[in-house]
Amino acid sequence: MSNTVVITGANRGIGLSFTQQYLARGYTVYAACRSASAELTASGAKVIDGVDVGSDAGIQKLDEALQGVTIDLLINNAGILRDESLGDLNLDTIRDQFETNALAPLRVTERLADRLSAKAKVALITSRMGSIADNTSGGRYGYRMSKAALNAAGMSLACDLKSRGVAVAILHPGLVGTEMIGGYGDITPDEAAERLMARIDELNLGNSGTFWHSNGQQLPW
């Protein structure tokens, strides 16, 4: 029997690369997204589209689609990036980023927690931009704040799920050339997914709740 992974934000970028690479490993992949891409549809994954994890309806649709499924790995990958600066704050985009980047992974994990197998793993795809110690350039208020909140949620999840044998990874992918950041970056989505998968492979209860760069460097809070 193959392992089962659920991936949010799976239609493009790192999420699509996760999907393709876990399928190549022989996993059963449930790929959730707002709108399926041609590449995702052709991948062979079990696609759950119409899932906006920032909405009640999206969480409900994901929940219904996964009834009866035992999950070995949950990857909360979906996220959005907007830009605000001091003097040009947009509270609506800040709130949107909190809903999708911080609250949605927590809500998804809580909703699916009872379906996690013994010794399952949960991965939160965050950003080093959520590191307070690493912030030397300012700006990006909504993204930085929402990812810092996600990191805090990840630590609490690691504590709360430990008794069930479930480990939680808090992972920064690196500067990845995805559509979300305009296509520029140091590594490709495929390279990022491969490195993140190595970190997930290394995840256990001993390092659960720690914050890692995909290259294997532990990051400061």
N, C-alpha and C. Protein backbone atom coordinates (compact mmCIF):
# COMPACT_ATOMS: atom_id res chain seq x y z
N MET A 1 0.85 -1.20 0.00
CA MET A 1 0.00 0.00 0.00
C MET A 1 0.88 1.25 0.00
N SER A 2 0.56 2.20 -0.87
CA SER A 2 1.38 3.41 -0.96
C SER A 2 1.01 4.38 0.14
N ASN A 3 1.94 5.29 0.45
CA ASN A 3 1.65 6.37 1.36
C ASN A 3 0.75 7.39 0.68
N THR A 4 0.03 8.15 1.48
CA THR A 4 -0.90 9.14 0.95
C THR A 4 -0.49 10.53 1.40
N VAL A 5 -0.39 11.45 0.45
CA VAL A 5 -0.04 12.83 0.73
C VAL A 5 -1.13 13.75 0.23
N VAL A 6 -1.45 14.76 1.00
CA VAL A 6 -2.38 15.82 0.60
C VAL A 6 -1.57 17.11 0.46
N ILE A 7 -1.73 17.77 -0.67
CA ILE A 7 -0.96 18.99 -0.96
C ILE A 7 -1.92 20.10 -1.33
N THR A 8 -1.83 21.24 -0.66
CA THR A 8 -2.63 22.40 -1.05
C THR A 8 -1.82 23.30 -1.98
N GLY A 9 -2.53 24.10 -2.78
CA GLY A 9 -1.84 24.97 -3.74
C GLY A 9 -1.05 24.18 -4.76
N ALA A 10 -1.67 23.10 -5.27
CA ALA A 10 -0.93 22.11 -6.07
C ALA A 10 -0.96 22.36 -7.57
N ASN A 11 -1.59 23.43 -8.01
CA ASN A 11 -1.78 23.59 -9.46
C ASN A 11 -0.57 24.15 -10.19
N ARG A 12 0.38 24.74 -9.46
CA ARG A 12 1.53 25.34 -10.13
C ARG A 12 2.69 25.44 -9.14
N GLY A 13 3.84 25.90 -9.63
CA GLY A 13 4.97 26.18 -8.78
C GLY A 13 5.42 25.00 -7.95
N ILE A 14 5.78 25.27 -6.70
CA ILE A 14 6.29 24.22 -5.83
C ILE A 14 5.23 23.15 -5.58
N GLY A 15 3.97 23.55 -5.46
CA GLY A 15 2.92 22.57 -5.22
C GLY A 15 2.80 21.55 -6.34
N LEU A 16 2.90 22.02 -7.58
CA LEU A 16 2.86 21.10 -8.72
C LEU A 16 4.10 20.19 -8.72
N SER A 17 5.25 20.76 -8.40
CA SER A 17 6.47 19.95 -8.34
C SER A 17 6.39 18.90 -7.24
N PHE A 18 5.87 19.28 -6.07
CA PHE A 18 5.62 18.30 -5.02
C PHE A 18 4.75 17.16 -5.56
N THR A 19 3.67 17.53 -6.21
CA THR A 19 2.73 16.54 -6.73
C THR A 19 3.42 15.55 -7.66
N GLN A 20 4.15 16.07 -8.62
CA GLN A 20 4.80 15.22 -9.61
C GLN A 20 5.86 14.34 -8.97
N GLN A 21 6.61 14.89 -8.02
CA GLN A 21 7.70 14.11 -7.43
C GLN A 21 7.20 13.07 -6.43
N TYR A 22 6.15 13.38 -5.69
CA TYR A 22 5.60 12.35 -4.81
C TYR A 22 4.91 11.25 -5.61
N LEU A 23 4.28 11.60 -6.72
CA LEU A 23 3.73 10.57 -7.60
C LEU A 23 4.84 9.66 -8.11
N ALA A 24 5.97 10.24 -8.47
CA ALA A 24 7.10 9.45 -8.95
C ALA A 24 7.63 8.51 -7.88
N ARG A 25 7.45 8.88 -6.62
CA ARG A 25 7.85 8.01 -5.51
C ARG A 25 6.84 6.90 -5.24
N GLY A 26 5.69 6.97 -5.89
CA GLY A 26 4.68 5.95 -5.68
C GLY A 26 3.62 6.32 -4.67
N TYR A 27 3.60 7.56 -4.23
CA TYR A 27 2.57 8.01 -3.30
C TYR A 27 1.22 8.14 -4.01
N THR A 28 0.16 7.99 -3.24
CA THR A 28 -1.17 8.44 -3.67
C THR A 28 -1.26 9.91 -3.30
N VAL A 29 -1.49 10.76 -4.30
CA VAL A 29 -1.45 12.21 -4.09
C VAL A 29 -2.83 12.82 -4.28
N TYR A 30 -3.31 13.50 -3.25
CA TYR A 30 -4.51 14.33 -3.36
C TYR A 30 -4.04 15.77 -3.50
N ALA A 31 -4.32 16.35 -4.66
CA ALA A 31 -3.80 17.66 -5.02
C ALA A 31 -4.93 18.68 -5.00
N ALA A 32 -4.91 19.57 -4.02
CA ALA A 32 -5.97 20.56 -3.85
C ALA A 32 -5.55 21.91 -4.40
N CYS A 33 -6.50 22.60 -5.02
CA CYS A 33 -6.19 23.91 -5.61
C CYS A 33 -7.48 24.65 -5.91
N ARG A 34 -7.36 25.94 -6.17
CA ARG A 34 -8.54 26.72 -6.54
C ARG A 34 -8.99 26.37 -7.96
N SER A 35 -8.02 26.23 -8.87
CA SER A 35 -8.34 25.91 -10.26
C SER A 35 -7.23 25.04 -10.83
N ALA A 36 -7.57 23.88 -11.32
CA ALA A 36 -6.56 22.93 -11.80
C ALA A 36 -5.92 23.42 -13.08
N SER A 37 -4.60 23.28 -13.16
CA SER A 37 -3.88 23.58 -14.39
C SER A 37 -3.85 22.33 -15.27
N ALA A 38 -3.49 22.53 -16.53
CA ALA A 38 -3.38 21.40 -17.45
C ALA A 38 -2.33 20.41 -16.96
N GLU A 39 -1.23 20.94 -16.43
CA GLU A 39 -0.15 20.07 -15.93
C GLU A 39 -0.63 19.23 -14.75
N LEU A 40 -1.40 19.83 -13.87
CA LEU A 40 -1.89 19.08 -12.72
C LEU A 40 -2.89 18.02 -13.16
N THR A 41 -3.79 18.38 -14.05
CA THR A 41 -4.79 17.43 -14.53
C THR A 41 -4.14 16.22 -15.19
N ALA A 42 -3.03 16.46 -15.89
CA ALA A 42 -2.34 15.38 -16.60
C ALA A 42 -1.41 14.57 -15.70
N SER A 43 -1.24 15.00 -14.45
CA SER A 43 -0.21 14.40 -13.60
C SER A 43 -0.56 12.99 -13.11
N GLY A 44 -1.85 12.69 -13.01
CA GLY A 44 -2.26 11.43 -12.44
C GLY A 44 -2.64 11.53 -10.97
N ALA A 45 -2.55 12.73 -10.41
CA ALA A 45 -2.97 12.94 -9.02
C ALA A 45 -4.49 12.93 -8.93
N LYS A 46 -4.98 12.73 -7.72
CA LYS A 46 -6.41 12.87 -7.44
C LYS A 46 -6.67 14.35 -7.16
N VAL A 47 -7.17 15.06 -8.15
CA VAL A 47 -7.28 16.51 -8.08
C VAL A 47 -8.57 16.91 -7.37
N ILE A 48 -8.44 17.83 -6.42
CA ILE A 48 -9.59 18.43 -5.74
C ILE A 48 -9.55 19.91 -6.04
N ASP A 49 -10.31 20.34 -7.04
CA ASP A 49 -10.26 21.76 -7.41
C ASP A 49 -11.42 22.50 -6.75
N GLY A 50 -11.42 23.81 -6.92
CA GLY A 50 -12.41 24.64 -6.26
C GLY A 50 -12.14 24.83 -4.78
N VAL A 51 -10.89 24.57 -4.37
CA VAL A 51 -10.53 24.68 -2.96
C VAL A 51 -9.74 25.97 -2.73
N ASP A 52 -10.41 26.97 -2.22
CA ASP A 52 -9.76 28.19 -1.73
C ASP A 52 -9.62 28.01 -0.23
N VAL A 53 -8.41 27.74 0.24
CA VAL A 53 -8.22 27.42 1.66
C VAL A 53 -8.45 28.62 2.56
N GLY A 54 -8.56 29.80 1.96
CA GLY A 54 -8.85 30.99 2.74
C GLY A 54 -10.32 31.22 2.98
N SER A 55 -11.17 30.29 2.55
CA SER A 55 -12.62 30.46 2.70
C SER A 55 -13.24 29.26 3.41
N ASP A 56 -14.37 29.49 4.06
CA ASP A 56 -15.10 28.41 4.72
C ASP A 56 -15.51 27.34 3.71
N ALA A 57 -15.99 27.80 2.54
CA ALA A 57 -16.45 26.85 1.52
C ALA A 57 -15.31 25.99 1.01
N GLY A 58 -14.13 26.59 0.86
CA GLY A 58 -12.99 25.83 0.38
C GLY A 58 -12.55 24.76 1.37
N ILE A 59 -12.51 25.11 2.66
CA ILE A 59 -12.15 24.14 3.69
C ILE A 59 -13.17 23.01 3.72
N GLN A 60 -14.45 23.36 3.60
CA GLN A 60 -15.51 22.34 3.61
C GLN A 60 -15.38 21.40 2.42
N LYS A 61 -15.07 21.95 1.24
CA LYS A 61 -14.94 21.10 0.05
C LYS A 61 -13.77 20.13 0.20
N LEU A 62 -12.66 20.62 0.74
CA LEU A 62 -11.51 19.75 0.96
C LEU A 62 -11.86 18.65 1.95
N ASP A 63 -12.53 19.01 3.02
CA ASP A 63 -12.95 18.06 4.04
C ASP A 63 -13.82 16.97 3.43
N GLU A 64 -14.81 17.36 2.65
CA GLU A 64 -15.73 16.39 2.06
C GLU A 64 -15.02 15.46 1.08
N ALA A 65 -14.08 16.01 0.30
CA ALA A 65 -13.37 15.21 -0.69
C ALA A 65 -12.45 14.17 -0.06
N LEU A 66 -12.05 14.41 1.19
CA LEU A 66 -11.10 13.52 1.85
C LEU A 66 -11.76 12.64 2.91
N GLN A 67 -13.09 12.56 2.90
CA GLN A 67 -13.78 11.68 3.83
C GLN A 67 -13.29 10.24 3.65
N GLY A 68 -12.90 9.61 4.74
CA GLY A 68 -12.46 8.22 4.69
C GLY A 68 -11.02 8.02 4.27
N VAL A 69 -10.28 9.10 3.99
CA VAL A 69 -8.89 8.99 3.56
C VAL A 69 -7.96 9.08 4.77
N THR A 70 -7.01 8.16 4.87
CA THR A 70 -5.98 8.24 5.91
C THR A 70 -4.76 8.92 5.30
N ILE A 71 -4.29 9.96 5.99
CA ILE A 71 -3.24 10.83 5.45
C ILE A 71 -1.92 10.58 6.17
N ASP A 72 -0.89 10.29 5.40
CA ASP A 72 0.45 10.08 5.97
C ASP A 72 1.28 11.36 5.96
N LEU A 73 0.98 12.24 5.03
CA LEU A 73 1.72 13.51 4.93
C LEU A 73 0.77 14.59 4.45
N LEU A 74 0.70 15.68 5.19
CA LEU A 74 -0.09 16.84 4.81
C LEU A 74 0.85 18.00 4.56
N ILE A 75 0.84 18.54 3.35
CA ILE A 75 1.71 19.67 3.00
C ILE A 75 0.84 20.90 2.78
N ASN A 76 0.91 21.83 3.72
CA ASN A 76 0.20 23.11 3.60
C ASN A 76 1.09 24.06 2.81
N ASN A 77 0.88 24.07 1.51
CA ASN A 77 1.74 24.81 0.58
C ASN A 77 1.10 26.09 0.06
N ALA A 78 -0.22 26.15 0.01
CA ALA A 78 -0.90 27.30 -0.60
C ALA A 78 -0.53 28.59 0.13
N GLY A 79 -0.27 29.63 -0.64
CA GLY A 79 0.07 30.93 -0.06
C GLY A 79 -0.06 32.03 -1.09
N ILE A 80 -0.15 33.27 -0.60
CA ILE A 80 -0.21 34.42 -1.48
C ILE A 80 0.79 35.48 -1.01
N LEU A 81 1.23 36.29 -1.94
CA LEU A 81 2.19 37.36 -1.66
C LEU A 81 1.65 38.68 -2.21
N ARG A 82 1.53 39.65 -1.34
CA ARG A 82 1.18 41.01 -1.75
C ARG A 82 2.25 41.95 -1.22
N ASP A 83 2.19 43.21 -1.58
CA ASP A 83 3.25 44.14 -1.21
C ASP A 83 2.67 45.38 -0.55
N GLU A 84 3.09 45.64 0.69
CA GLU A 84 2.72 46.87 1.37
C GLU A 84 3.99 47.49 1.95
N SER A 85 3.99 48.80 2.04
CA SER A 85 5.12 49.50 2.64
C SER A 85 4.61 50.58 3.57
N LEU A 86 5.45 51.06 4.45
CA LEU A 86 5.07 52.10 5.37
C LEU A 86 4.71 53.36 4.58
N GLY A 87 3.54 53.88 4.84
CA GLY A 87 3.04 55.00 4.06
C GLY A 87 2.14 54.57 2.93
N ASP A 88 2.14 53.27 2.63
CA ASP A 88 1.28 52.73 1.57
C ASP A 88 0.71 51.39 2.03
N LEU A 89 0.13 51.39 3.23
CA LEU A 89 -0.45 50.16 3.78
C LEU A 89 -1.81 49.90 3.17
N ASN A 90 -2.07 48.63 2.88
CA ASN A 90 -3.38 48.20 2.40
C ASN A 90 -3.86 47.12 3.36
N LEU A 91 -4.74 47.50 4.26
CA LEU A 91 -5.17 46.55 5.29
C LEU A 91 -5.95 45.37 4.71
N ASP A 92 -6.59 45.57 3.56
CA ASP A 92 -7.31 44.46 2.94
C ASP A 92 -6.35 43.38 2.47
N THR A 93 -5.23 43.77 1.83
CA THR A 93 -4.28 42.75 1.37
C THR A 93 -3.55 42.11 2.55
N ILE A 94 -3.33 42.87 3.61
CA ILE A 94 -2.72 42.29 4.81
C ILE A 94 -3.65 41.23 5.40
N ARG A 95 -4.93 41.54 5.51
CA ARG A 95 -5.90 40.57 6.03
C ARG A 95 -5.99 39.33 5.13
N ASP A 96 -5.98 39.55 3.81
CA ASP A 96 -6.03 38.41 2.89
C ASP A 96 -4.86 37.47 3.11
N GLN A 97 -3.67 38.04 3.31
CA GLN A 97 -2.50 37.20 3.53
C GLN A 97 -2.57 36.45 4.85
N PHE A 98 -3.12 37.08 5.88
CA PHE A 98 -3.32 36.36 7.13
C PHE A 98 -4.28 35.19 6.94
N GLU A 99 -5.36 35.40 6.20
CA GLU A 99 -6.33 34.32 5.99
C GLU A 99 -5.70 33.14 5.27
N THR A 100 -4.95 33.41 4.20
CA THR A 100 -4.41 32.33 3.37
C THR A 100 -3.11 31.76 3.92
N ASN A 101 -2.22 32.62 4.38
CA ASN A 101 -0.88 32.17 4.77
C ASN A 101 -0.80 31.65 6.20
N ALA A 102 -1.61 32.19 7.10
CA ALA A 102 -1.51 31.81 8.52
C ALA A 102 -2.70 31.01 9.00
N LEU A 103 -3.90 31.53 8.78
CA LEU A 103 -5.08 30.85 9.30
C LEU A 103 -5.43 29.59 8.52
N ALA A 104 -5.29 29.63 7.20
CA ALA A 104 -5.69 28.48 6.39
C ALA A 104 -4.91 27.21 6.74
N PRO A 105 -3.58 27.25 6.85
CA PRO A 105 -2.87 26.02 7.22
C PRO A 105 -3.30 25.47 8.57
N LEU A 106 -3.57 26.37 9.52
CA LEU A 106 -4.05 25.93 10.83
C LEU A 106 -5.42 25.28 10.71
N ARG A 107 -6.31 25.91 9.96
CA ARG A 107 -7.66 25.38 9.79
C ARG A 107 -7.65 24.04 9.07
N VAL A 108 -6.85 23.94 8.02
CA VAL A 108 -6.77 22.68 7.27
C VAL A 108 -6.24 21.56 8.16
N THR A 109 -5.18 21.86 8.92
CA THR A 109 -4.59 20.84 9.78
C THR A 109 -5.56 20.40 10.85
N GLU A 110 -6.27 21.35 11.46
CA GLU A 110 -7.26 20.98 12.47
C GLU A 110 -8.37 20.12 11.88
N ARG A 111 -8.87 20.51 10.70
CA ARG A 111 -9.98 19.79 10.09
C ARG A 111 -9.59 18.35 9.72
N LEU A 112 -8.32 18.17 9.33
CA LEU A 112 -7.88 16.85 8.86
C LEU A 112 -7.13 16.07 9.92
N ALA A 113 -6.98 16.62 11.12
CA ALA A 113 -6.14 16.00 12.14
C ALA A 113 -6.56 14.57 12.48
N ASP A 114 -7.86 14.33 12.53
CA ASP A 114 -8.34 13.00 12.89
C ASP A 114 -8.05 11.96 11.81
N ARG A 115 -7.67 12.42 10.63
CA ARG A 115 -7.37 11.50 9.53
C ARG A 115 -5.88 11.25 9.36
N LEU A 116 -5.06 11.89 10.19
CA LEU A 116 -3.63 11.66 10.12
C LEU A 116 -3.30 10.29 10.68
N SER A 117 -2.47 9.55 9.97
CA SER A 117 -2.08 8.22 10.41
C SER A 117 -1.13 8.31 11.60
N ALA A 118 -0.92 7.17 12.26
CA ALA A 118 0.09 7.13 13.31
C ALA A 118 1.45 7.46 12.69
N LYS A 119 2.18 8.37 13.33
CA LYS A 119 3.49 8.83 12.86
C LYS A 119 3.40 9.59 11.53
N ALA A 120 2.27 10.24 11.29
CA ALA A 120 2.14 11.10 10.11
C ALA A 120 3.01 12.35 10.26
N LYS A 121 3.15 13.07 9.16
CA LYS A 121 3.92 14.31 9.16
C LYS A 121 3.08 15.43 8.58
N VAL A 122 3.28 16.63 9.12
CA VAL A 122 2.65 17.84 8.61
C VAL A 122 3.74 18.82 8.24
N ALA A 123 3.71 19.34 7.02
CA ALA A 123 4.70 20.32 6.57
C ALA A 123 4.01 21.66 6.30
N LEU A 124 4.56 22.71 6.86
CA LEU A 124 4.09 24.07 6.61
C LEU A 124 5.13 24.78 5.75
N ILE A 125 4.72 25.20 4.56
CA ILE A 125 5.65 25.93 3.69
C ILE A 125 5.53 27.41 4.03
N THR A 126 6.55 27.89 4.72
CA THR A 126 6.56 29.26 5.21
C THR A 126 7.61 30.06 4.44
N SER A 127 8.24 31.02 5.09
CA SER A 127 9.27 31.84 4.45
C SER A 127 10.19 32.40 5.51
N ARG A 128 11.46 32.57 5.16
CA ARG A 128 12.39 33.23 6.08
C ARG A 128 12.00 34.69 6.27
N MET A 129 11.11 35.20 5.40
CA MET A 129 10.58 36.55 5.61
C MET A 129 9.70 36.62 6.86
N GLY A 130 9.33 35.48 7.40
CA GLY A 130 8.63 35.44 8.67
C GLY A 130 9.56 35.42 9.87
N SER A 131 10.87 35.42 9.61
CA SER A 131 11.84 35.46 10.70
C SER A 131 12.03 36.90 11.16
N ILE A 132 11.87 37.15 12.44
CA ILE A 132 12.07 38.49 12.98
C ILE A 132 13.56 38.81 13.04
N ALA A 133 14.36 37.84 13.47
CA ALA A 133 15.80 38.06 13.58
C ALA A 133 16.46 38.30 12.22
N ASP A 134 15.88 37.75 11.17
CA ASP A 134 16.48 37.83 9.85
C ASP A 134 16.01 39.05 9.05
N ASN A 135 15.10 39.82 9.61
CA ASN A 135 14.52 40.96 8.89
C ASN A 135 15.44 42.18 8.98
N THR A 136 16.13 42.48 7.89
CA THR A 136 17.02 43.64 7.85
C THR A 136 16.60 44.65 6.79
N SER A 137 15.48 44.40 6.11
CA SER A 137 15.09 45.29 5.00
C SER A 137 13.69 45.87 5.14
N GLY A 138 12.90 45.39 6.11
CA GLY A 138 11.58 45.96 6.35
C GLY A 138 10.58 45.68 5.24
N GLY A 139 9.48 46.44 5.23
CA GLY A 139 8.46 46.31 4.20
C GLY A 139 7.74 44.97 4.20
N ARG A 140 6.98 44.74 3.13
CA ARG A 140 6.22 43.49 2.97
C ARG A 140 5.48 43.12 4.25
N TYR A 141 4.72 44.08 4.79
CA TYR A 141 4.14 43.91 6.11
C TYR A 141 3.22 42.70 6.21
N GLY A 142 2.29 42.56 5.28
CA GLY A 142 1.34 41.46 5.35
C GLY A 142 2.00 40.11 5.21
N TYR A 143 2.94 39.99 4.28
CA TYR A 143 3.60 38.70 4.06
C TYR A 143 4.46 38.33 5.25
N ARG A 144 5.28 39.27 5.71
CA ARG A 144 6.15 38.99 6.86
C ARG A 144 5.32 38.62 8.10
N MET A 145 4.30 39.42 8.39
CA MET A 145 3.49 39.18 9.58
C MET A 145 2.73 37.85 9.49
N SER A 146 2.19 37.55 8.32
CA SER A 146 1.42 36.31 8.18
C SER A 146 2.32 35.09 8.28
N LYS A 147 3.53 35.17 7.76
CA LYS A 147 4.44 34.03 7.84
C LYS A 147 5.00 33.87 9.25
N ALA A 148 5.22 34.98 9.97
CA ALA A 148 5.63 34.87 11.37
C ALA A 148 4.52 34.20 12.18
N ALA A 149 3.27 34.56 11.89
CA ALA A 149 2.14 33.93 12.57
C ALA A 149 2.06 32.45 12.23
N LEU A 150 2.33 32.09 10.99
CA LEU A 150 2.34 30.68 10.59
C LEU A 150 3.42 29.91 11.36
N ASN A 151 4.59 30.54 11.51
CA ASN A 151 5.66 29.88 12.26
C ASN A 151 5.23 29.60 13.70
N ALA A 152 4.56 30.59 14.31
CA ALA A 152 4.07 30.40 15.68
C ALA A 152 3.04 29.27 15.74
N ALA A 153 2.16 29.23 14.75
CA ALA A 153 1.17 28.15 14.70
C ALA A 153 1.86 26.80 14.55
N GLY A 154 2.92 26.76 13.75
CA GLY A 154 3.64 25.51 13.55
C GLY A 154 4.24 24.97 14.83
N MET A 155 4.78 25.87 15.66
CA MET A 155 5.33 25.43 16.94
C MET A 155 4.23 24.88 17.84
N SER A 156 3.09 25.55 17.89
CA SER A 156 1.98 25.06 18.71
C SER A 156 1.47 23.72 18.20
N LEU A 157 1.37 23.57 16.88
CA LEU A 157 0.94 22.29 16.32
C LEU A 157 1.91 21.18 16.69
N ALA A 158 3.21 21.50 16.65
CA ALA A 158 4.21 20.49 17.01
C ALA A 158 4.01 20.02 18.44
N CYS A 159 3.71 20.96 19.33
CA CYS A 159 3.45 20.59 20.73
C CYS A 159 2.17 19.78 20.87
N ASP A 160 1.11 20.23 20.20
CA ASP A 160 -0.20 19.61 20.38
C ASP A 160 -0.32 18.25 19.72
N LEU A 161 0.45 18.01 18.66
CA LEU A 161 0.35 16.75 17.93
C LEU A 161 1.40 15.72 18.35
N LYS A 162 2.34 16.14 19.19
CA LYS A 162 3.44 15.25 19.55
C LYS A 162 2.96 13.98 20.22
N SER A 163 1.96 14.09 21.10
CA SER A 163 1.48 12.91 21.82
C SER A 163 0.86 11.87 20.89
N ARG A 164 0.48 12.31 19.70
CA ARG A 164 -0.09 11.39 18.71
C ARG A 164 0.96 10.85 17.76
N GLY A 165 2.22 11.26 17.96
CA GLY A 165 3.30 10.79 17.11
C GLY A 165 3.43 11.54 15.81
N VAL A 166 2.75 12.69 15.69
CA VAL A 166 2.76 13.48 14.46
C VAL A 166 3.80 14.59 14.57
N ALA A 167 4.73 14.66 13.62
CA ALA A 167 5.78 15.66 13.60
C ALA A 167 5.43 16.77 12.61
N VAL A 168 5.89 17.98 12.92
CA VAL A 168 5.55 19.17 12.13
C VAL A 168 6.82 19.85 11.64
N ALA A 169 6.91 20.07 10.33
CA ALA A 169 8.04 20.77 9.72
C ALA A 169 7.63 22.20 9.37
N ILE A 170 8.51 23.15 9.67
CA ILE A 170 8.30 24.56 9.33
C ILE A 170 9.42 24.91 8.35
N LEU A 171 9.07 25.08 7.06
CA LEU A 171 10.07 25.02 6.00
C LEU A 171 10.05 26.24 5.08
N HIS A 172 11.22 26.81 4.87
CA HIS A 172 11.42 27.89 3.88
C HIS A 172 11.99 27.26 2.61
N PRO A 173 11.36 27.47 1.46
CA PRO A 173 11.82 26.79 0.24
C PRO A 173 13.07 27.37 -0.39
N GLY A 174 13.43 28.61 -0.05
CA GLY A 174 14.48 29.32 -0.76
C GLY A 174 13.86 30.33 -1.70
N LEU A 175 14.68 31.04 -2.45
CA LEU A 175 14.18 32.00 -3.44
C LEU A 175 13.90 31.24 -4.72
N VAL A 176 12.64 30.94 -4.93
CA VAL A 176 12.23 30.02 -6.00
C VAL A 176 11.60 30.79 -7.15
N GLY A 177 12.00 30.46 -8.35
CA GLY A 177 11.48 31.15 -9.54
C GLY A 177 10.07 30.71 -9.88
N THR A 178 9.10 31.20 -9.12
CA THR A 178 7.70 30.88 -9.36
C THR A 178 6.97 32.10 -9.91
N GLU A 179 5.76 31.85 -10.41
CA GLU A 179 4.93 32.94 -10.91
C GLU A 179 4.61 33.95 -9.81
N MET A 180 4.51 33.47 -8.56
CA MET A 180 4.14 34.34 -7.45
C MET A 180 5.13 35.49 -7.26
N ILE A 181 6.43 35.25 -7.55
CA ILE A 181 7.42 36.31 -7.39
C ILE A 181 7.98 36.77 -8.74
N GLY A 182 7.22 36.53 -9.80
CA GLY A 182 7.60 37.04 -11.10
C GLY A 182 8.56 36.18 -11.89
N GLY A 183 8.81 34.96 -11.42
CA GLY A 183 9.62 34.03 -12.19
C GLY A 183 11.11 34.07 -11.91
N TYR A 184 11.59 35.05 -11.15
CA TYR A 184 13.02 35.09 -10.86
C TYR A 184 13.29 34.32 -9.57
N GLY A 185 14.52 33.84 -9.43
CA GLY A 185 14.86 33.09 -8.22
C GLY A 185 16.18 32.39 -8.39
N ASP A 186 16.67 31.82 -7.28
CA ASP A 186 17.95 31.12 -7.30
C ASP A 186 17.80 29.66 -7.70
N ILE A 187 16.61 29.10 -7.47
CA ILE A 187 16.37 27.70 -7.79
C ILE A 187 15.01 27.56 -8.46
N THR A 188 14.81 26.44 -9.14
CA THR A 188 13.54 26.16 -9.81
C THR A 188 12.57 25.53 -8.82
N PRO A 189 11.27 25.53 -9.15
CA PRO A 189 10.31 24.83 -8.29
C PRO A 189 10.65 23.35 -8.10
N ASP A 190 11.14 22.69 -9.14
CA ASP A 190 11.51 21.28 -9.01
C ASP A 190 12.65 21.10 -8.02
N GLU A 191 13.64 21.99 -8.09
CA GLU A 191 14.76 21.90 -7.15
C GLU A 191 14.30 22.18 -5.72
N ALA A 192 13.42 23.17 -5.58
CA ALA A 192 12.90 23.50 -4.25
C ALA A 192 12.13 22.32 -3.67
N ALA A 193 11.26 21.71 -4.46
CA ALA A 193 10.48 20.58 -3.98
C ALA A 193 11.39 19.42 -3.59
N GLU A 194 12.39 19.16 -4.38
CA GLU A 194 13.32 18.07 -4.07
C GLU A 194 14.02 18.31 -2.73
N ARG A 195 14.47 19.55 -2.52
CA ARG A 195 15.15 19.86 -1.27
C ARG A 195 14.19 19.83 -0.08
N LEU A 196 12.98 20.35 -0.27
CA LEU A 196 11.98 20.31 0.80
C LEU A 196 11.60 18.88 1.16
N MET A 197 11.51 18.03 0.16
CA MET A 197 11.19 16.62 0.42
C MET A 197 12.29 15.95 1.24
N ALA A 198 13.54 16.35 1.01
CA ALA A 198 14.64 15.81 1.82
C ALA A 198 14.48 16.23 3.28
N ARG A 199 14.07 17.48 3.50
CA ARG A 199 13.85 17.95 4.87
C ARG A 199 12.67 17.21 5.51
N ILE A 200 11.63 16.95 4.74
CA ILE A 200 10.47 16.21 5.26
C ILE A 200 10.88 14.78 5.59
N ASP A 201 11.72 14.18 4.75
CA ASP A 201 12.21 12.83 5.03
C ASP A 201 12.96 12.79 6.38
N GLU A 202 13.68 13.86 6.69
CA GLU A 202 14.47 13.93 7.92
C GLU A 202 13.63 14.27 9.16
N LEU A 203 12.39 14.71 8.93
CA LEU A 203 11.53 15.15 10.03
C LEU A 203 11.19 14.00 10.97
N ASN A 204 11.28 14.26 12.25
CA ASN A 204 10.90 13.29 13.28
C ASN A 204 10.46 14.05 14.51
N LEU A 205 10.05 13.34 15.55
CA LEU A 205 9.57 14.01 16.75
C LEU A 205 10.68 14.79 17.46
N GLY A 206 11.92 14.40 17.22
CA GLY A 206 13.04 15.10 17.85
C GLY A 206 13.29 16.48 17.29
N ASN A 207 13.02 16.68 15.98
CA ASN A 207 13.23 18.01 15.39
C ASN A 207 11.92 18.67 14.99
N SER A 208 10.80 18.11 15.42
CA SER A 208 9.49 18.70 15.12
C SER A 208 9.41 20.10 15.70
N GLY A 209 8.80 21.02 14.92
CA GLY A 209 8.61 22.37 15.39
C GLY A 209 9.80 23.28 15.21
N THR A 210 10.81 22.84 14.45
CA THR A 210 11.95 23.70 14.17
C THR A 210 11.83 24.27 12.76
N PHE A 211 12.57 25.34 12.50
CA PHE A 211 12.41 26.19 11.31
C PHE A 211 13.64 26.00 10.42
N TRP A 212 13.42 25.48 9.22
CA TRP A 212 14.53 25.09 8.36
C TRP A 212 14.44 25.71 6.96
N HIS A 213 15.57 26.09 6.43
CA HIS A 213 15.75 26.40 5.01
C HIS A 213 15.79 25.07 4.27
N SER A 214 15.31 25.07 3.04
CA SER A 214 15.34 23.82 2.27
C SER A 214 16.74 23.29 2.05
N ASN A 215 17.76 24.15 2.16
CA ASN A 215 19.14 23.72 1.95
C ASN A 215 19.74 23.02 3.17
N GLY A 216 18.95 22.87 4.25
CA GLY A 216 19.41 22.17 5.43
C GLY A 216 19.89 23.07 6.54
N GLN A 217 19.83 24.39 6.34
CA GLN A 217 20.22 25.35 7.36
C GLN A 217 19.05 25.63 8.31
N GLN A 218 19.30 25.55 9.62
CA GLN A 218 18.26 25.94 10.58
C GLN A 218 18.19 27.46 10.64
N LEU A 219 16.97 28.00 10.62
CA LEU A 219 16.78 29.43 10.55
C LEU A 219 16.39 30.00 11.91
N PRO A 220 16.73 31.27 12.15
CA PRO A 220 16.35 31.91 13.42
C PRO A 220 14.91 32.36 13.39
N TRP A 221 14.29 32.40 14.56
CA TRP A 221 12.92 32.90 14.66
C TRP A 221 12.89 34.40 14.45
